[in-house]
Amino acid sequence: MGEYNHLLAVTLVPGVHAMTAAVFIILGGVLASLNHTRHDVRVEPGVYAVNVHDVHHRVPMSNYGQYTMLWDRIMGTYIPYT
């Protein structure tokens, strides 16, 4: 379902360059795939870390964010990885 959200976003934004849409979809797919591995990949603490989204699979009502935990922190659904 996540990749369909990316396709919907590209469809709803008018005038998106084809290369921009391709990079967005490919990068989204790669990052989503990394989120579902057990490798500890971090780009920037608090911005993208695989283990933080992994908490969502242990505690389903938390850490919904795929790439950033900003909205989880704002909405109170963030649980740090331990």
N, C-alpha and C. Protein backbone atom coordinates (compact mmCIF):
# COMPACT_ATOMS: atom_id res chain seq x y z
N MET A 1 0.82 -1.20 0.00
CA MET A 1 0.00 0.00 0.00
C MET A 1 0.86 1.26 0.00
N GLY A 2 2.01 1.21 0.64
CA GLY A 2 2.86 2.39 0.74
C GLY A 2 3.30 2.92 -0.61
N GLU A 3 3.65 2.01 -1.51
CA GLU A 3 4.10 2.46 -2.83
C GLU A 3 2.95 3.10 -3.62
N TYR A 4 1.74 2.63 -3.38
CA TYR A 4 0.59 3.26 -4.03
C TYR A 4 0.38 4.68 -3.53
N ASN A 5 0.72 4.94 -2.27
CA ASN A 5 0.65 6.32 -1.76
C ASN A 5 1.63 7.22 -2.50
N HIS A 6 2.81 6.70 -2.83
CA HIS A 6 3.78 7.48 -3.60
C HIS A 6 3.24 7.77 -5.01
N LEU A 7 2.65 6.77 -5.63
CA LEU A 7 2.08 6.97 -6.97
C LEU A 7 0.94 7.99 -6.93
N LEU A 8 0.12 7.93 -5.88
CA LEU A 8 -0.97 8.89 -5.74
C LEU A 8 -0.42 10.31 -5.58
N ALA A 9 0.63 10.46 -4.77
CA ALA A 9 1.22 11.78 -4.57
C ALA A 9 1.74 12.36 -5.88
N VAL A 10 2.39 11.54 -6.69
CA VAL A 10 2.91 12.00 -7.98
C VAL A 10 1.76 12.37 -8.90
N THR A 11 0.67 11.64 -8.84
CA THR A 11 -0.49 11.92 -9.69
C THR A 11 -1.18 13.22 -9.29
N LEU A 12 -1.25 13.50 -7.99
CA LEU A 12 -1.97 14.67 -7.51
C LEU A 12 -1.21 15.98 -7.67
N VAL A 13 0.10 15.92 -7.78
CA VAL A 13 0.91 17.14 -7.91
C VAL A 13 1.05 17.46 -9.39
N PRO A 14 0.50 18.58 -9.84
CA PRO A 14 0.56 18.91 -11.26
C PRO A 14 1.96 19.36 -11.68
N GLY A 15 2.33 19.02 -12.90
CA GLY A 15 3.57 19.51 -13.47
C GLY A 15 4.85 18.87 -12.95
N VAL A 16 4.76 17.68 -12.39
CA VAL A 16 5.95 17.00 -11.88
C VAL A 16 6.76 16.48 -13.06
N HIS A 17 8.05 16.78 -13.05
CA HIS A 17 8.95 16.30 -14.10
C HIS A 17 9.06 14.78 -13.98
N ALA A 18 9.12 14.09 -15.10
CA ALA A 18 9.16 12.63 -15.11
C ALA A 18 10.35 12.09 -14.33
N MET A 19 11.51 12.72 -14.44
CA MET A 19 12.70 12.24 -13.71
C MET A 19 12.51 12.44 -12.20
N THR A 20 11.90 13.54 -11.80
CA THR A 20 11.63 13.78 -10.38
C THR A 20 10.70 12.71 -9.83
N ALA A 21 9.65 12.40 -10.58
CA ALA A 21 8.71 11.37 -10.16
C ALA A 21 9.40 10.01 -10.05
N ALA A 22 10.26 9.68 -11.01
CA ALA A 22 10.97 8.40 -10.99
C ALA A 22 11.90 8.31 -9.78
N VAL A 23 12.66 9.36 -9.52
CA VAL A 23 13.57 9.36 -8.37
C VAL A 23 12.79 9.25 -7.07
N PHE A 24 11.68 9.98 -6.96
CA PHE A 24 10.84 9.93 -5.77
C PHE A 24 10.32 8.52 -5.52
N ILE A 25 9.83 7.86 -6.55
CA ILE A 25 9.26 6.52 -6.39
C ILE A 25 10.35 5.49 -6.10
N ILE A 26 11.48 5.59 -6.79
CA ILE A 26 12.57 4.64 -6.55
C ILE A 26 13.14 4.82 -5.15
N LEU A 27 13.41 6.06 -4.75
CA LEU A 27 13.96 6.32 -3.43
C LEU A 27 12.97 5.89 -2.34
N GLY A 28 11.70 6.17 -2.54
CA GLY A 28 10.69 5.73 -1.58
C GLY A 28 10.64 4.22 -1.45
N GLY A 29 10.75 3.51 -2.57
CA GLY A 29 10.76 2.05 -2.55
C GLY A 29 11.98 1.49 -1.84
N VAL A 30 13.14 2.08 -2.10
CA VAL A 30 14.38 1.63 -1.45
C VAL A 30 14.31 1.86 0.06
N LEU A 31 13.90 3.05 0.47
CA LEU A 31 13.82 3.35 1.90
C LEU A 31 12.76 2.49 2.60
N ALA A 32 11.64 2.25 1.95
CA ALA A 32 10.61 1.39 2.53
C ALA A 32 11.11 -0.04 2.67
N SER A 33 11.87 -0.50 1.69
CA SER A 33 12.45 -1.85 1.77
C SER A 33 13.45 -1.94 2.91
N LEU A 34 14.30 -0.92 3.05
CA LEU A 34 15.26 -0.91 4.16
C LEU A 34 14.56 -0.92 5.51
N ASN A 35 13.41 -0.25 5.59
CA ASN A 35 12.67 -0.20 6.85
C ASN A 35 12.20 -1.57 7.30
N HIS A 36 12.12 -2.51 6.39
CA HIS A 36 11.61 -3.83 6.74
C HIS A 36 12.70 -4.89 6.72
N THR A 37 13.95 -4.46 6.88
CA THR A 37 15.06 -5.37 7.09
C THR A 37 15.48 -5.25 8.54
N ARG A 38 16.39 -6.06 8.96
CA ARG A 38 16.88 -5.98 10.34
C ARG A 38 18.23 -5.26 10.40
N HIS A 39 18.64 -4.61 9.32
CA HIS A 39 19.90 -3.87 9.29
C HIS A 39 19.69 -2.51 9.95
N ASP A 40 20.69 -2.09 10.72
CA ASP A 40 20.60 -0.81 11.42
C ASP A 40 21.15 0.29 10.51
N VAL A 41 20.31 0.81 9.64
CA VAL A 41 20.70 1.86 8.70
C VAL A 41 20.20 3.19 9.26
N ARG A 42 21.11 4.18 9.33
CA ARG A 42 20.75 5.50 9.83
C ARG A 42 21.27 6.55 8.86
N VAL A 43 20.43 7.50 8.52
CA VAL A 43 20.88 8.62 7.70
C VAL A 43 21.20 9.78 8.63
N GLU A 44 20.28 10.10 9.47
CA GLU A 44 20.44 11.18 10.45
C GLU A 44 19.55 10.83 11.63
N PRO A 45 20.09 10.81 12.85
CA PRO A 45 19.23 10.48 14.00
C PRO A 45 18.00 11.39 14.05
N GLY A 46 16.85 10.78 14.20
CA GLY A 46 15.60 11.53 14.26
C GLY A 46 14.99 11.81 12.89
N VAL A 47 15.77 11.60 11.83
CA VAL A 47 15.24 11.81 10.49
C VAL A 47 14.95 10.47 9.83
N TYR A 48 15.94 9.59 9.77
CA TYR A 48 15.71 8.27 9.19
C TYR A 48 16.59 7.26 9.89
N ALA A 49 15.99 6.29 10.51
CA ALA A 49 16.69 5.18 11.13
C ALA A 49 15.77 3.97 11.08
N VAL A 50 16.28 2.88 10.54
CA VAL A 50 15.48 1.68 10.36
C VAL A 50 14.95 1.15 11.68
N ASN A 51 15.79 1.14 12.72
CA ASN A 51 15.37 0.53 13.98
C ASN A 51 14.19 1.27 14.63
N VAL A 52 14.03 2.56 14.37
CA VAL A 52 12.92 3.30 14.97
C VAL A 52 11.59 2.83 14.38
N HIS A 53 11.53 2.62 13.07
CA HIS A 53 10.30 2.11 12.46
C HIS A 53 10.07 0.65 12.86
N ASP A 54 11.15 -0.07 13.18
CA ASP A 54 11.03 -1.46 13.60
C ASP A 54 10.18 -1.59 14.87
N VAL A 55 10.19 -0.56 15.71
CA VAL A 55 9.36 -0.55 16.92
C VAL A 55 7.89 -0.69 16.53
N HIS A 56 7.51 -0.12 15.39
CA HIS A 56 6.12 -0.20 14.92
C HIS A 56 5.67 -1.65 14.73
N HIS A 57 6.58 -2.52 14.36
CA HIS A 57 6.23 -3.93 14.15
C HIS A 57 6.16 -4.71 15.46
N ARG A 58 6.72 -4.15 16.53
CA ARG A 58 6.59 -4.76 17.86
C ARG A 58 5.43 -4.16 18.63
N VAL A 59 5.22 -2.85 18.45
CA VAL A 59 4.12 -2.12 19.11
C VAL A 59 3.35 -1.42 17.99
N PRO A 60 2.36 -2.10 17.39
CA PRO A 60 1.69 -1.58 16.20
C PRO A 60 1.04 -0.20 16.32
N MET A 61 0.72 0.25 17.51
CA MET A 61 0.08 1.56 17.67
C MET A 61 1.10 2.67 17.88
N SER A 62 2.32 2.48 17.36
CA SER A 62 3.38 3.48 17.53
C SER A 62 4.24 3.57 16.27
N ASN A 63 5.01 4.64 16.17
CA ASN A 63 6.01 4.84 15.12
C ASN A 63 5.50 4.49 13.72
N TYR A 64 4.45 5.15 13.32
CA TYR A 64 3.87 4.93 12.00
C TYR A 64 4.74 5.47 10.88
N GLY A 65 5.55 6.47 11.18
CA GLY A 65 6.35 7.14 10.15
C GLY A 65 7.28 6.20 9.43
N GLN A 66 7.33 6.34 8.14
CA GLN A 66 8.19 5.49 7.33
C GLN A 66 9.60 6.07 7.24
N TYR A 67 9.72 7.38 7.11
CA TYR A 67 11.02 8.02 6.88
C TYR A 67 11.41 8.98 7.99
N THR A 68 10.47 9.54 8.68
CA THR A 68 10.76 10.47 9.76
C THR A 68 9.75 10.26 10.88
N MET A 69 10.17 10.52 12.07
CA MET A 69 9.29 10.34 13.23
C MET A 69 8.68 11.67 13.69
N LEU A 70 8.78 12.70 12.85
CA LEU A 70 8.26 14.02 13.21
C LEU A 70 6.80 13.95 13.62
N TRP A 71 5.95 13.38 12.77
CA TRP A 71 4.52 13.34 13.08
C TRP A 71 4.22 12.43 14.26
N ASP A 72 4.98 11.37 14.43
CA ASP A 72 4.78 10.51 15.59
C ASP A 72 5.10 11.26 16.88
N ARG A 73 6.14 12.07 16.84
CA ARG A 73 6.49 12.86 18.03
C ARG A 73 5.38 13.89 18.32
N ILE A 74 4.88 14.54 17.26
CA ILE A 74 3.83 15.55 17.44
C ILE A 74 2.54 14.92 17.96
N MET A 75 2.17 13.75 17.43
CA MET A 75 0.91 13.11 17.80
C MET A 75 1.02 12.24 19.04
N GLY A 76 2.22 12.08 19.59
CA GLY A 76 2.39 11.29 20.81
C GLY A 76 2.44 9.80 20.60
N THR A 77 2.71 9.35 19.38
CA THR A 77 2.78 7.91 19.11
C THR A 77 4.22 7.41 18.98
N TYR A 78 5.19 8.27 19.29
CA TYR A 78 6.60 7.89 19.16
C TYR A 78 7.07 7.11 20.38
N ILE A 79 7.72 5.99 20.13
CA ILE A 79 8.38 5.19 21.17
C ILE A 79 9.81 4.97 20.70
N PRO A 80 10.82 5.35 21.50
CA PRO A 80 12.20 5.16 21.07
C PRO A 80 12.57 3.68 21.00
N TYR A 81 13.54 3.37 20.17
CA TYR A 81 14.03 2.01 20.02
C TYR A 81 14.88 1.64 21.23
N THR A 82 14.61 0.47 21.78
CA THR A 82 15.44 -0.04 22.89
C THR A 82 15.87 -1.45 22.60
